[in-house]
Protein backbone atom coordinates (compact mmCIF):
# COMPACT_ATOMS: atom_id res chain seq x y z
CA MET A 1 87.59 133.45 95.34
CA LYS A 2 89.11 132.17 92.11
CA GLN A 3 89.58 128.82 90.45
CA LEU A 4 92.97 127.20 90.81
CA ARG A 5 94.92 126.65 87.61
CA GLY A 6 98.28 125.18 86.62
CA THR A 7 100.90 125.27 89.35
CA GLU A 8 98.43 126.14 92.12
CA LEU A 9 96.28 123.14 91.24
CA LYS A 10 99.31 120.82 91.16
CA ARG A 11 100.43 122.07 94.60
CA LEU A 12 96.96 121.48 96.07
CA HIS A 13 96.78 117.90 94.75
CA ARG A 14 100.35 117.17 95.85
CA SER A 15 99.63 118.28 99.42
CA TRP A 16 96.57 116.01 99.65
CA ARG A 17 98.44 113.09 98.07
CA ARG A 18 101.22 113.38 100.68
CA GLY A 19 98.64 113.36 103.46
CA ASN A 20 97.15 109.97 102.58
CA GLU A 21 99.56 107.05 102.33
CA PHE A 22 96.88 104.36 102.43
CA ARG A 23 96.70 102.00 99.45
CA LEU A 24 93.83 101.68 97.00
CA ALA A 25 93.07 99.35 94.06
CA MET A 26 90.06 98.06 92.11
CA ILE A 27 89.07 94.70 90.68
CA LEU A 28 86.65 94.89 87.74
CA GLU A 29 84.72 91.66 87.17
CA ASN A 30 83.05 91.18 83.79
CA LEU A 31 82.20 94.83 83.16
CA GLN A 32 80.45 95.19 79.83
CA SER A 33 80.94 98.81 78.81
CA PRO A 34 84.36 100.10 77.79
CA PHE A 35 83.11 103.58 78.73
CA ASN A 36 82.52 102.40 82.31
CA VAL A 37 85.99 100.88 82.37
CA GLY A 38 87.44 104.19 81.19
CA SER A 39 85.48 106.11 83.81
CA VAL A 40 86.72 103.77 86.55
CA VAL A 41 90.28 104.22 85.26
CA ARG A 42 89.94 107.99 85.45
CA THR A 43 88.52 107.81 88.97
CA GLY A 44 91.31 105.45 90.02
CA ALA A 45 93.96 107.78 88.63
CA ALA A 46 92.36 110.81 90.28
CA MET A 47 92.08 109.08 93.66
CA GLY A 48 95.62 107.66 93.62
CA ALA A 49 94.75 104.00 93.10
CA GLU A 50 97.87 102.02 92.38
CA LYS A 51 96.45 99.08 90.46
CA LEU A 52 93.50 97.91 88.41
CA TYR A 53 92.85 94.16 88.21
CA LEU A 54 90.64 93.31 85.23
CA ALA A 55 88.85 89.96 85.40
CA GLY A 56 86.92 87.84 82.94
CA ASP A 57 85.26 89.64 80.03
CA THR A 58 86.09 93.19 81.20
CA PRO A 59 87.18 95.28 78.18
CA SER A 60 90.79 96.40 77.95
CA VAL A 61 91.69 99.88 79.16
CA ARG A 62 93.27 100.29 75.70
CA SER A 63 89.92 99.84 73.87
CA SER A 64 88.71 102.95 72.07
CA GLY A 65 85.69 103.45 74.35
CA ALA A 66 87.75 103.10 77.51
CA GLN A 67 90.38 105.48 76.16
CA LYS A 68 87.73 108.05 75.28
CA ALA A 69 86.41 108.06 78.86
CA ALA A 70 89.81 107.69 80.58
CA MET A 71 91.39 110.50 78.54
CA GLY A 72 94.87 108.98 78.81
CA THR A 73 94.81 108.55 82.59
CA ASP A 74 95.51 104.80 82.33
CA LYS A 75 99.21 105.71 82.29
CA TYR A 76 98.94 106.45 86.03
CA LEU A 77 97.73 102.94 86.97
CA LYS A 78 99.24 99.50 86.78
CA VAL A 79 96.74 97.32 84.92
CA GLU A 80 96.69 93.54 84.79
CA HIS A 81 94.08 91.25 83.16
CA PHE A 82 93.16 87.86 84.64
CA PRO A 83 91.00 85.13 83.05
CA THR A 84 88.99 84.67 86.25
CA VAL A 85 87.97 86.77 89.23
CA ALA A 86 89.51 84.13 91.52
CA GLU A 87 92.91 84.81 89.97
CA ALA A 88 92.42 88.59 90.20
CA VAL A 89 91.39 88.38 93.87
CA ALA A 90 94.32 86.08 94.66
CA ALA A 91 96.71 88.56 93.03
CA ALA A 92 95.21 91.50 94.96
CA LYS A 93 95.50 89.59 98.25
CA ALA A 94 99.09 88.62 97.40
CA ASP A 95 99.75 92.33 96.82
CA GLY A 96 98.58 93.01 100.38
CA PHE A 97 95.05 94.28 99.75
CA LYS A 98 91.92 93.56 101.78
CA VAL A 99 89.32 92.65 99.13
CA VAL A 100 85.99 94.44 99.60
CA GLY A 101 83.05 93.74 97.33
CA LEU A 102 80.76 96.61 96.43
CA GLU A 103 77.36 94.96 96.10
CA LEU A 104 73.78 95.10 97.33
CA ALA A 105 73.86 91.80 99.22
CA ASP A 106 72.10 90.49 102.33
CA GLU A 107 75.23 90.51 104.53
CA ALA A 108 76.71 93.74 103.17
CA VAL A 109 77.30 96.64 105.56
CA PRO A 110 77.00 100.35 104.76
CA MET A 111 80.27 101.51 103.24
CA PHE A 112 80.88 104.14 105.91
CA ALA A 113 80.72 101.46 108.63
CA ALA A 114 83.47 99.30 107.10
CA GLU A 115 87.16 99.83 107.74
CA LEU A 116 88.66 100.64 104.33
CA THR A 117 92.26 101.25 105.40
CA PRO A 118 95.20 100.69 105.22
CA ALA A 119 94.99 98.81 101.88
CA VAL A 120 91.74 98.02 100.08
CA ALA A 121 90.87 96.64 96.66
CA PHE A 122 87.22 97.15 95.72
CA VAL A 123 85.50 94.50 93.58
CA LEU A 124 83.04 96.01 91.11
CA GLY A 125 80.82 93.79 89.00
CA HIS A 126 78.83 93.71 85.79
CA GLU A 127 76.54 96.66 85.16
CA ASP A 128 73.33 94.59 85.31
CA ARG A 129 74.23 91.45 87.27
CA GLY A 130 76.75 92.87 89.74
CA ILE A 131 79.41 90.73 91.38
CA THR A 132 79.13 86.97 90.80
CA ALA A 133 78.46 84.57 93.67
CA ASP A 134 81.99 83.22 93.21
CA ALA A 135 83.46 86.70 93.66
CA LEU A 136 81.27 87.45 96.69
CA ALA A 137 82.56 84.30 98.37
CA LEU A 138 86.16 85.47 97.85
CA CYS A 139 85.66 88.92 99.38
CA ASP A 140 86.95 89.69 102.86
CA GLN A 141 83.94 91.97 103.32
CA VAL A 142 81.03 93.30 101.27
CA VAL A 143 79.73 96.87 101.47
CA PHE A 144 76.97 98.90 99.88
CA VAL A 145 76.24 102.57 99.27
CA PRO A 146 73.07 103.56 101.16
CA GLN A 147 70.65 105.20 98.72
CA LEU A 148 67.64 107.29 99.63
CA GLY A 149 65.92 107.81 96.31
CA ARG A 150 63.74 105.60 94.17
CA VAL A 151 66.62 104.24 92.08
CA GLY A 152 67.99 100.99 93.45
CA SER A 153 71.60 101.20 92.34
CA LEU A 154 74.31 103.48 91.00
CA ASN A 155 76.16 103.21 87.72
CA VAL A 156 79.27 101.07 88.34
CA SER A 157 81.63 103.98 87.64
CA ALA A 158 79.70 106.24 90.03
CA ALA A 159 79.81 103.52 92.71
CA ALA A 160 83.58 103.20 92.17
CA THR A 161 83.96 106.94 92.72
CA VAL A 162 81.96 106.86 95.95
CA ALA A 163 83.96 103.85 97.22
CA CYS A 164 87.35 105.40 96.42
CA TYR A 165 86.36 108.67 98.01
CA GLU A 166 85.18 106.95 101.20
CA ALA A 167 88.44 105.00 101.46
CA ARG A 168 90.40 108.24 101.09
CA ARG A 169 88.15 110.06 103.59
CA GLN A 170 88.79 107.33 106.14
CA GLY A 171 92.52 107.67 105.52
CA TYR A 172 92.36 111.40 106.24
CA ALA A 173 90.26 110.74 109.35
CA ILE A 174 93.19 108.68 110.63
CA SER A 175 96.18 110.68 109.42
CA GLY A 176 94.68 114.16 109.34
CA THR A 177 94.00 116.43 106.41
CA PRO A 178 96.64 118.74 104.93
CA ASP A 179 94.49 121.79 105.62
CA GLY A 180 93.57 120.76 109.17
CA SER A 181 89.86 120.29 108.41
CA ASP A 182 87.87 117.48 109.99
CA ALA A 183 87.53 114.42 107.74
CA GLY A 184 85.11 112.75 110.15
CA GLY A 185 85.36 109.40 111.84
CA PHE A 186 83.97 106.04 110.84
CA ASP A 187 83.40 104.16 114.09
CA ILE A 188 79.63 104.18 113.88
CA ASP A 189 77.43 101.85 115.94
CA LEU A 190 74.75 100.34 113.71
CA ASP A 191 73.38 97.75 116.13
CA ASP A 192 69.65 97.10 115.89
CA GLU A 193 67.67 99.00 118.46
């Protein structure tokens, strides 16, 4: 076994990109750290997100901290900044996205139990305070990442990565994977017993 480099790596990524036509975007509400913004940008670019909606006080993807973390990958995403999360959510919905909040909230469902296809825009909130009540009210659905350890939440950029990966996994479960492997289903019954 050997690591893929250059042309081989590009071919691998191209085959997986062709196998998943579902749409992905992210809405960042009042993130504080430019490094988190840059990390989310890099994740979005790696996972084939088409757009990043920045809302409120979220730092620009062009800030030095964001650029350091993104490593130039912002060129692969359309980025638009909105004064309020309501405007960002409205724009995402107008662009055809189902808006899904990523938050530990009382009515949230485990991420793997939510339908995240064919077009989803994840709302990610402030590092300490999460998504605002106003943003939660605008979401079509709210999901959370089940966690088993003693830490109650993930870093916002790590949560974005998990969310994007799950949306892509669900897409492959529907359309099939390029290599024929099983991507798993997502029709899980979580009714109380």
